[in-house]
Amino acid sequence: MGIFDSITRGLGSLRPLSDKELEDEREALRQRYVSSGDVTVTEADKLYDELHRYDEEIRRRANKAYARENPNPPEPRHREHGWYLPNDD
């Protein structure tokens, strides 16, 4: 981990983490959220928001990997009479 990675990680960025580290930290956070029955609502809200932040990073990485694997997506198929019109006339 380089100096810039440690700085961004210190500021709260999830990008320097590997996929395995990201999944492990998210699972630990999820378990804390699930077991937070006696904590205040604000603490549960913070954990919930943090879970969504991890989910957004995982989704961003998955979309980036998909775009790398499929650089030229197929053209959308148009029907003869328009997008959503039936072809039975």
PDB file of N, CA and C in Angstrom:
ATOM      1  N   MET A   1       0.854  -1.168   0.000  1.00  0.00           N
ATOM      2  CA  MET A   1       0.000   0.000   0.000  1.00  0.00           C
ATOM      3  C   MET A   1       0.899   1.229   0.000  1.00  0.00           C
ATOM      4  N   GLY A   2       0.726   2.068  -0.988  1.00  0.00           N
ATOM      5  CA  GLY A   2       1.549   3.252  -1.116  1.00  0.00           C
ATOM      6  C   GLY A   2       1.083   4.380  -0.213  1.00  0.00           C
ATOM      7  N   ILE A   3       1.808   5.480  -0.267  1.00  0.00           N
ATOM      8  CA  ILE A   3       1.489   6.613   0.596  1.00  0.00           C
ATOM      9  C   ILE A   3       0.139   7.231   0.226  1.00  0.00           C
ATOM     10  N   PHE A   4      -0.161   7.293  -1.076  1.00  0.00           N
ATOM     11  CA  PHE A   4      -1.434   7.881  -1.490  1.00  0.00           C
ATOM     12  C   PHE A   4      -2.605   6.991  -1.086  1.00  0.00           C
ATOM     13  N   ASP A   5      -2.384   5.679  -1.155  1.00  0.00           N
ATOM     14  CA  ASP A   5      -3.433   4.756  -0.719  1.00  0.00           C
ATOM     15  C   ASP A   5      -3.713   4.906   0.768  1.00  0.00           C
ATOM     16  N   SER A   6      -2.665   5.071   1.559  1.00  0.00           N
ATOM     17  CA  SER A   6      -2.875   5.220   2.996  1.00  0.00           C
ATOM     18  C   SER A   6      -3.544   6.552   3.325  1.00  0.00           C
ATOM     19  N   ILE A   7      -3.246   7.595   2.547  1.00  0.00           N
ATOM     20  CA  ILE A   7      -3.890   8.896   2.771  1.00  0.00           C
ATOM     21  C   ILE A   7      -5.375   8.818   2.424  1.00  0.00           C
ATOM     22  N   THR A   8      -5.695   8.241   1.257  1.00  0.00           N
ATOM     23  CA  THR A   8      -7.103   8.139   0.871  1.00  0.00           C
ATOM     24  C   THR A   8      -7.861   7.211   1.800  1.00  0.00           C
ATOM     25  N   ARG A   9      -7.219   6.165   2.279  1.00  0.00           N
ATOM     26  CA  ARG A   9      -7.876   5.259   3.233  1.00  0.00           C
ATOM     27  C   ARG A   9      -8.127   5.993   4.551  1.00  0.00           C
ATOM     28  N   GLY A  10      -7.202   6.841   4.958  1.00  0.00           N
ATOM     29  CA  GLY A  10      -7.379   7.622   6.168  1.00  0.00           C
ATOM     30  C   GLY A  10      -8.516   8.621   6.056  1.00  0.00           C
ATOM     31  N   LEU A  11      -8.771   9.081   4.841  1.00  0.00           N
ATOM     32  CA  LEU A  11      -9.869  10.017   4.614  1.00  0.00           C
ATOM     33  C   LEU A  11     -11.208   9.310   4.406  1.00  0.00           C
ATOM     34  N   GLY A  12     -11.207   7.987   4.417  1.00  0.00           N
ATOM     35  CA  GLY A  12     -12.457   7.249   4.340  1.00  0.00           C
ATOM     36  C   GLY A  12     -12.755   6.617   2.997  1.00  0.00           C
ATOM     37  N   SER A  13     -11.837   6.655   2.058  1.00  0.00           N
ATOM     38  CA  SER A  13     -12.076   6.065   0.745  1.00  0.00           C
ATOM     39  C   SER A  13     -11.927   4.551   0.822  1.00  0.00           C
ATOM     40  N   LEU A  14     -12.738   3.845   0.055  1.00  0.00           N
ATOM     41  CA  LEU A  14     -12.685   2.388   0.023  1.00  0.00           C
ATOM     42  C   LEU A  14     -11.921   1.865  -1.187  1.00  0.00           C
ATOM     43  N   ARG A  15     -11.489   2.731  -2.074  1.00  0.00           N
ATOM     44  CA  ARG A  15     -10.844   2.301  -3.316  1.00  0.00           C
ATOM     45  C   ARG A  15      -9.512   1.580  -3.111  1.00  0.00           C
ATOM     46  N   PRO A  16      -8.691   1.931  -2.125  1.00  0.00           N
ATOM     47  CA  PRO A  16      -7.408   1.224  -1.990  1.00  0.00           C
ATOM     48  C   PRO A  16      -7.548  -0.223  -1.516  1.00  0.00           C
ATOM     49  N   LEU A  17      -8.703  -0.618  -1.013  1.00  0.00           N
ATOM     50  CA  LEU A  17      -8.882  -1.973  -0.522  1.00  0.00           C
ATOM     51  C   LEU A  17      -8.992  -2.965  -1.674  1.00  0.00           C
ATOM     52  N   SER A  18      -8.457  -4.161  -1.441  1.00  0.00           N
ATOM     53  CA  SER A  18      -8.653  -5.210  -2.436  1.00  0.00           C
ATOM     54  C   SER A  18     -10.084  -5.722  -2.322  1.00  0.00           C
ATOM     55  N   ASP A  19     -10.503  -6.515  -3.302  1.00  0.00           N
ATOM     56  CA  ASP A  19     -11.868  -7.041  -3.284  1.00  0.00           C
ATOM     57  C   ASP A  19     -12.110  -7.909  -2.051  1.00  0.00           C
ATOM     58  N   LYS A  20     -11.139  -8.723  -1.692  1.00  0.00           N
ATOM     59  CA  LYS A  20     -11.275  -9.609  -0.526  1.00  0.00           C
ATOM     60  C   LYS A  20     -11.378  -8.790   0.758  1.00  0.00           C
ATOM     61  N   GLU A  21     -10.525  -7.776   0.903  1.00  0.00           N
ATOM     62  CA  GLU A  21     -10.570  -6.923   2.094  1.00  0.00           C
ATOM     63  C   GLU A  21     -11.899  -6.183   2.185  1.00  0.00           C
ATOM     64  N   LEU A  22     -12.386  -5.719   1.037  1.00  0.00           N
ATOM     65  CA  LEU A  22     -13.665  -5.010   1.008  1.00  0.00           C
ATOM     66  C   LEU A  22     -14.805  -5.921   1.449  1.00  0.00           C
ATOM     67  N   GLU A  23     -14.826  -7.156   0.941  1.00  0.00           N
ATOM     68  CA  GLU A  23     -15.868  -8.103   1.330  1.00  0.00           C
ATOM     69  C   GLU A  23     -15.781  -8.455   2.812  1.00  0.00           C
ATOM     70  N   ASP A  24     -14.566  -8.647   3.313  1.00  0.00           N
ATOM     71  CA  ASP A  24     -14.389  -8.995   4.729  1.00  0.00           C
ATOM     72  C   ASP A  24     -14.855  -7.869   5.652  1.00  0.00           C
ATOM     73  N   GLU A  25     -14.470  -6.635   5.323  1.00  0.00           N
ATOM     74  CA  GLU A  25     -14.876  -5.498   6.149  1.00  0.00           C
ATOM     75  C   GLU A  25     -16.380  -5.267   6.076  1.00  0.00           C
ATOM     76  N   ARG A  26     -16.966  -5.486   4.899  1.00  0.00           N
ATOM     77  CA  ARG A  26     -18.414  -5.315   4.766  1.00  0.00           C
ATOM     78  C   ARG A  26     -19.153  -6.360   5.584  1.00  0.00           C
ATOM     79  N   GLU A  27     -18.656  -7.597   5.585  1.00  0.00           N
ATOM     80  CA  GLU A  27     -19.302  -8.656   6.359  1.00  0.00           C
ATOM     81  C   GLU A  27     -19.207  -8.364   7.860  1.00  0.00           C
ATOM     82  N   ALA A  28     -18.064  -7.877   8.321  1.00  0.00           N
ATOM     83  CA  ALA A  28     -17.920  -7.515   9.730  1.00  0.00           C
ATOM     84  C   ALA A  28     -18.875  -6.376  10.084  1.00  0.00           C
ATOM     85  N   LEU A  29     -18.997  -5.408   9.205  1.00  0.00           N
ATOM     86  CA  LEU A  29     -19.907  -4.284   9.417  1.00  0.00           C
ATOM     87  C   LEU A  29     -21.355  -4.750   9.426  1.00  0.00           C
ATOM     88  N   ARG A  30     -21.705  -5.672   8.526  1.00  0.00           N
ATOM     89  CA  ARG A  30     -23.066  -6.208   8.466  1.00  0.00           C
ATOM     90  C   ARG A  30     -23.417  -6.951   9.751  1.00  0.00           C
ATOM     91  N   GLN A  31     -22.473  -7.714  10.269  1.00  0.00           N
ATOM     92  CA  GLN A  31     -22.722  -8.434  11.516  1.00  0.00           C
ATOM     93  C   GLN A  31     -22.885  -7.477  12.689  1.00  0.00           C
ATOM     94  N   ARG A  32     -22.103  -6.391  12.695  1.00  0.00           N
ATOM     95  CA  ARG A  32     -22.292  -5.377  13.748  1.00  0.00           C
ATOM     96  C   ARG A  32     -23.673  -4.747  13.645  1.00  0.00           C
ATOM     97  N   TYR A  33     -24.133  -4.494  12.417  1.00  0.00           N
ATOM     98  CA  TYR A  33     -25.448  -3.888  12.209  1.00  0.00           C
ATOM     99  C   TYR A  33     -26.555  -4.842  12.657  1.00  0.00           C
ATOM    100  N   VAL A  34     -26.429  -6.111  12.305  1.00  0.00           N
ATOM    101  CA  VAL A  34     -27.464  -7.088  12.655  1.00  0.00           C
ATOM    102  C   VAL A  34     -27.528  -7.294  14.166  1.00  0.00           C
ATOM    103  N   SER A  35     -26.394  -7.281  14.820  1.00  0.00           N
ATOM    104  CA  SER A  35     -26.376  -7.515  16.262  1.00  0.00           C
ATOM    105  C   SER A  35     -26.555  -6.243  17.084  1.00  0.00           C
ATOM    106  N   SER A  36     -26.870  -5.139  16.448  1.00  0.00           N
ATOM    107  CA  SER A  36     -26.995  -3.865  17.159  1.00  0.00           C
ATOM    108  C   SER A  36     -28.412  -3.646  17.669  1.00  0.00           C
ATOM    109  N   GLY A  37     -28.975  -4.618  18.338  1.00  0.00           N
ATOM    110  CA  GLY A  37     -30.346  -4.523  18.814  1.00  0.00           C
ATOM    111  C   GLY A  37     -30.524  -3.486  19.910  1.00  0.00           C
ATOM    112  N   ASP A  38     -29.550  -3.338  20.808  1.00  0.00           N
ATOM    113  CA  ASP A  38     -29.693  -2.442  21.947  1.00  0.00           C
ATOM    114  C   ASP A  38     -29.078  -1.056  21.722  1.00  0.00           C
ATOM    115  N   VAL A  39     -28.491  -0.835  20.597  1.00  0.00           N
ATOM    116  CA  VAL A  39     -27.868   0.462  20.348  1.00  0.00           C
ATOM    117  C   VAL A  39     -28.922   1.486  19.934  1.00  0.00           C
ATOM    118  N   THR A  40     -28.525   2.717  19.980  1.00  0.00           N
ATOM    119  CA  THR A  40     -29.455   3.779  19.629  1.00  0.00           C
ATOM    120  C   THR A  40     -29.773   3.746  18.146  1.00  0.00           C
ATOM    121  N   VAL A  41     -30.812   4.419  17.791  1.00  0.00           N
ATOM    122  CA  VAL A  41     -31.241   4.460  16.395  1.00  0.00           C
ATOM    123  C   VAL A  41     -30.205   5.183  15.540  1.00  0.00           C
ATOM    124  N   THR A  42     -29.588   6.219  16.069  1.00  0.00           N
ATOM    125  CA  THR A  42     -28.598   6.964  15.293  1.00  0.00           C
ATOM    126  C   THR A  42     -27.382   6.090  14.983  1.00  0.00           C
ATOM    127  N   GLU A  43     -26.985   5.239  15.916  1.00  0.00           N
ATOM    128  CA  GLU A  43     -25.859   4.334  15.670  1.00  0.00           C
ATOM    129  C   GLU A  43     -26.224   3.314  14.593  1.00  0.00           C
ATOM    130  N   ALA A  44     -27.441   2.790  14.647  1.00  0.00           N
ATOM    131  CA  ALA A  44     -27.894   1.842  13.627  1.00  0.00           C
ATOM    132  C   ALA A  44     -27.987   2.537  12.267  1.00  0.00           C
ATOM    133  N   ASP A  45     -28.415   3.788  12.235  1.00  0.00           N
ATOM    134  CA  ASP A  45     -28.469   4.546  10.981  1.00  0.00           C
ATOM    135  C   ASP A  45     -27.080   4.739  10.387  1.00  0.00           C
ATOM    136  N   LYS A  46     -26.097   5.023  11.235  1.00  0.00           N
ATOM    137  CA  LYS A  46     -24.726   5.191  10.758  1.00  0.00           C
ATOM    138  C   LYS A  46     -24.197   3.883  10.159  1.00  0.00           C
ATOM    139  N   LEU A  47     -24.476   2.768  10.831  1.00  0.00           N
ATOM    140  CA  LEU A  47     -24.039   1.479  10.307  1.00  0.00           C
ATOM    141  C   LEU A  47     -24.728   1.155   8.988  1.00  0.00           C
ATOM    142  N   TYR A  48     -26.009   1.474   8.890  1.00  0.00           N
ATOM    143  CA  TYR A  48     -26.779   1.238   7.672  1.00  0.00           C
ATOM    144  C   TYR A  48     -26.218   2.059   6.515  1.00  0.00           C
ATOM    145  N   ASP A  49     -25.919   3.327   6.773  1.00  0.00           N
ATOM    146  CA  ASP A  49     -25.343   4.186   5.739  1.00  0.00           C
ATOM    147  C   ASP A  49     -23.962   3.693   5.314  1.00  0.00           C
ATOM    148  N   GLU A  50     -23.187   3.205   6.272  1.00  0.00           N
ATOM    149  CA  GLU A  50     -21.860   2.682   5.963  1.00  0.00           C
ATOM    150  C   GLU A  50     -21.969   1.414   5.106  1.00  0.00           C
ATOM    151  N   LEU A  51     -22.957   0.585   5.393  1.00  0.00           N
ATOM    152  CA  LEU A  51     -23.186  -0.603   4.566  1.00  0.00           C
ATOM    153  C   LEU A  51     -23.492  -0.212   3.126  1.00  0.00           C
ATOM    154  N   HIS A  52     -24.292   0.817   2.940  1.00  0.00           N
ATOM    155  CA  HIS A  52     -24.616   1.275   1.590  1.00  0.00           C
ATOM    156  C   HIS A  52     -23.389   1.840   0.887  1.00  0.00           C
ATOM    157  N   ARG A  53     -22.503   2.453   1.632  1.00  0.00           N
ATOM    158  CA  ARG A  53     -21.275   2.971   1.035  1.00  0.00           C
ATOM    159  C   ARG A  53     -20.407   1.816   0.510  1.00  0.00           C
ATOM    160  N   TYR A  54     -20.335   0.739   1.286  1.00  0.00           N
ATOM    161  CA  TYR A  54     -19.597  -0.439   0.842  1.00  0.00           C
ATOM    162  C   TYR A  54     -20.270  -1.064  -0.383  1.00  0.00           C
ATOM    163  N   ASP A  55     -21.599  -1.131  -0.369  1.00  0.00           N
ATOM    164  CA  ASP A  55     -22.337  -1.703  -1.499  1.00  0.00           C
ATOM    165  C   ASP A  55     -22.109  -0.893  -2.773  1.00  0.00           C
ATOM    166  N   GLU A  56     -22.064   0.434  -2.653  1.00  0.00           N
ATOM    167  CA  GLU A  56     -21.831   1.285  -3.818  1.00  0.00           C
ATOM    168  C   GLU A  56     -20.444   1.046  -4.402  1.00  0.00           C
ATOM    169  N   GLU A  57     -19.457   0.845  -3.541  1.00  0.00           N
ATOM    170  CA  GLU A  57     -18.099   0.581  -4.027  1.00  0.00           C
ATOM    171  C   GLU A  57     -18.038  -0.785  -4.709  1.00  0.00           C
ATOM    172  N   ILE A  58     -18.695  -1.790  -4.151  1.00  0.00           N
ATOM    173  CA  ILE A  58     -18.724  -3.120  -4.770  1.00  0.00           C
ATOM    174  C   ILE A  58     -19.427  -3.041  -6.118  1.00  0.00           C
ATOM    175  N   ARG A  59     -20.531  -2.308  -6.189  1.00  0.00           N
ATOM    176  CA  ARG A  59     -21.267  -2.151  -7.441  1.00  0.00           C
ATOM    177  C   ARG A  59     -20.435  -1.397  -8.481  1.00  0.00           C
ATOM    178  N   ARG A  60     -19.702  -0.367  -8.053  1.00  0.00           N
ATOM    179  CA  ARG A  60     -18.852   0.389  -8.967  1.00  0.00           C
ATOM    180  C   ARG A  60     -17.779  -0.514  -9.575  1.00  0.00           C
ATOM    181  N   ARG A  61     -17.168  -1.360  -8.737  1.00  0.00           N
ATOM    182  CA  ARG A  61     -16.138  -2.271  -9.225  1.00  0.00           C
ATOM    183  C   ARG A  61     -16.715  -3.316 -10.177  1.00  0.00           C
ATOM    184  N   ALA A  62     -17.904  -3.817  -9.869  1.00  0.00           N
ATOM    185  CA  ALA A  62     -18.535  -4.810 -10.744  1.00  0.00           C
ATOM    186  C   ALA A  62     -18.876  -4.194 -12.096  1.00  0.00           C
ATOM    187  N   ASN A  63     -19.395  -2.971 -12.096  1.00  0.00           N
ATOM    188  CA  ASN A  63     -19.718  -2.299 -13.356  1.00  0.00           C
ATOM    189  C   ASN A  63     -18.465  -2.008 -14.176  1.00  0.00           C
ATOM    190  N   LYS A  64     -17.389  -1.644 -13.500  1.00  0.00           N
ATOM    191  CA  LYS A  64     -16.139  -1.372 -14.187  1.00  0.00           C
ATOM    192  C   LYS A  64     -15.581  -2.652 -14.814  1.00  0.00           C
ATOM    193  N   ALA A  65     -15.679  -3.768 -14.095  1.00  0.00           N
ATOM    194  CA  ALA A  65     -15.215  -5.049 -14.630  1.00  0.00           C
ATOM    195  C   ALA A  65     -16.071  -5.481 -15.818  1.00  0.00           C
ATOM    196  N   TYR A  66     -17.379  -5.268 -15.733  1.00  0.00           N
ATOM    197  CA  TYR A  66     -18.265  -5.623 -16.842  1.00  0.00           C
ATOM    198  C   TYR A  66     -17.950  -4.783 -18.077  1.00  0.00           C
ATOM    199  N   ALA A  67     -17.711  -3.501 -17.887  1.00  0.00           N
ATOM    200  CA  ALA A  67     -17.381  -2.623 -19.007  1.00  0.00           C
ATOM    201  C   ALA A  67     -16.057  -3.022 -19.647  1.00  0.00           C
ATOM    202  N   ARG A  68     -15.112  -3.504 -18.838  1.00  0.00           N
ATOM    203  CA  ARG A  68     -13.836  -3.965 -19.367  1.00  0.00           C
ATOM    204  C   ARG A  68     -14.014  -5.232 -20.199  1.00  0.00           C
ATOM    205  N   GLU A  69     -14.879  -6.137 -19.736  1.00  0.00           N
ATOM    206  CA  GLU A  69     -15.085  -7.408 -20.437  1.00  0.00           C
ATOM    207  C   GLU A  69     -15.958  -7.253 -21.675  1.00  0.00           C
ATOM    208  N   ASN A  70     -16.835  -6.278 -21.694  1.00  0.00           N
ATOM    209  CA  ASN A  70     -17.740  -6.050 -22.818  1.00  0.00           C
ATOM    210  C   ASN A  70     -17.580  -4.624 -23.343  1.00  0.00           C
ATOM    211  N   PRO A  71     -16.514  -4.368 -24.100  1.00  0.00           N
ATOM    212  CA  PRO A  71     -16.266  -2.985 -24.524  1.00  0.00           C
ATOM    213  C   PRO A  71     -17.268  -2.460 -25.550  1.00  0.00           C
ATOM    214  N   ASN A  72     -17.841  -3.336 -26.364  1.00  0.00           N
ATOM    215  CA  ASN A  72     -18.796  -2.903 -27.379  1.00  0.00           C
ATOM    216  C   ASN A  72     -20.132  -3.596 -27.134  1.00  0.00           C
ATOM    217  N   PRO A  73     -20.989  -2.977 -26.336  1.00  0.00           N
ATOM    218  CA  PRO A  73     -22.278  -3.634 -26.067  1.00  0.00           C
ATOM    219  C   PRO A  73     -23.111  -3.711 -27.335  1.00  0.00           C
ATOM    220  N   PRO A  74     -23.968  -4.713 -27.447  1.00  0.00           N
ATOM    221  CA  PRO A  74     -24.785  -4.837 -28.656  1.00  0.00           C
ATOM    222  C   PRO A  74     -25.775  -3.683 -28.763  1.00  0.00           C
ATOM    223  N   GLU A  75     -26.129  -3.374 -29.989  1.00  0.00           N
ATOM    224  CA  GLU A  75     -27.118  -2.321 -30.231  1.00  0.00           C
ATOM    225  C   GLU A  75     -28.487  -2.794 -29.759  1.00  0.00           C
ATOM    226  N   PRO A  76     -29.302  -1.897 -29.225  1.00  0.00           N
ATOM    227  CA  PRO A  76     -30.637  -2.313 -28.807  1.00  0.00           C
ATOM    228  C   PRO A  76     -31.461  -2.734 -30.024  1.00  0.00           C
ATOM    229  N   ARG A  77     -32.266  -3.750 -29.833  1.00  0.00           N
ATOM    230  CA  ARG A  77     -33.097  -4.244 -30.931  1.00  0.00           C
ATOM    231  C   ARG A  77     -34.379  -3.439 -30.993  1.00  0.00           C
ATOM    232  N   HIS A  78     -34.690  -2.919 -32.177  1.00  0.00           N
ATOM    233  CA  HIS A  78     -35.908  -2.153 -32.384  1.00  0.00           C
ATOM    234  C   HIS A  78     -36.928  -3.026 -33.113  1.00  0.00           C
ATOM    235  N   ARG A  79     -38.153  -2.893 -32.734  1.00  0.00           N
ATOM    236  CA  ARG A  79     -39.215  -3.588 -33.451  1.00  0.00           C
ATOM    237  C   ARG A  79     -39.508  -2.827 -34.736  1.00  0.00           C
ATOM    238  N   GLU A  80     -40.211  -3.454 -35.624  1.00  0.00           N
ATOM    239  CA  GLU A  80     -40.506  -2.841 -36.907  1.00  0.00           C
ATOM    240  C   GLU A  80     -41.368  -1.595 -36.751  1.00  0.00           C
ATOM    241  N   HIS A  81     -42.299  -1.620 -35.781  1.00  0.00           N
ATOM    242  CA  HIS A  81     -43.241  -0.511 -35.617  1.00  0.00           C
ATOM    243  C   HIS A  81     -42.941   0.350 -34.398  1.00  0.00           C
ATOM    244  N   GLY A  82     -41.809   0.209 -33.810  1.00  0.00           N
ATOM    245  CA  GLY A  82     -41.467   1.019 -32.646  1.00  0.00           C
ATOM    246  C   GLY A  82     -40.941   0.149 -31.521  1.00  0.00           C
ATOM    247  N   TRP A  83     -40.594   0.777 -30.440  1.00  0.00           N
ATOM    248  CA  TRP A  83     -39.975   0.081 -29.316  1.00  0.00           C
ATOM    249  C   TRP A  83     -40.908  -0.919 -28.645  1.00  0.00           C
ATOM    250  N   TYR A  84     -42.063  -0.481 -28.248  1.00  0.00           N
ATOM    251  CA  TYR A  84     -42.916  -1.322 -27.412  1.00  0.00           C
ATOM    252  C   TYR A  84     -44.230  -1.709 -28.081  1.00  0.00           C
ATOM    253  N   LEU A  85     -44.320  -1.545 -29.389  1.00  0.00           N
ATOM    254  CA  LEU A  85     -45.544  -1.875 -30.098  1.00  0.00           C
ATOM    255  C   LEU A  85     -45.487  -3.330 -30.562  1.00  0.00           C
ATOM    256  N   PRO A  86     -46.608  -4.022 -30.562  1.00  0.00           N
ATOM    257  CA  PRO A  86     -46.589  -5.420 -30.990  1.00  0.00           C
ATOM    258  C   PRO A  86     -46.392  -5.537 -32.500  1.00  0.00           C
ATOM    259  N   ASN A  87     -45.896  -6.670 -32.937  1.00  0.00           N
ATOM    260  CA  ASN A  87     -45.641  -6.918 -34.355  1.00  0.00           C
ATOM    261  C   ASN A  87     -46.763  -7.727 -34.997  1.00  0.00           C
ATOM    262  N   ASP A  88     -47.945  -7.775 -34.427  1.00  0.00           N
ATOM    263  CA  ASP A  88     -48.981  -8.671 -34.899  1.00  0.00           C
ATOM    264  C   ASP A  88     -50.029  -8.006 -35.778  1.00  0.00           C
ATOM    265  N   ASP A  89     -49.744  -6.888 -36.386  1.00  0.00           N
ATOM    266  CA  ASP A  89     -50.780  -6.261 -37.233  1.00  0.00           C
ATOM    267  C   ASP A  89     -50.565  -6.537 -38.674  1.00  0.00           C
TER     268      ASP A  89
END
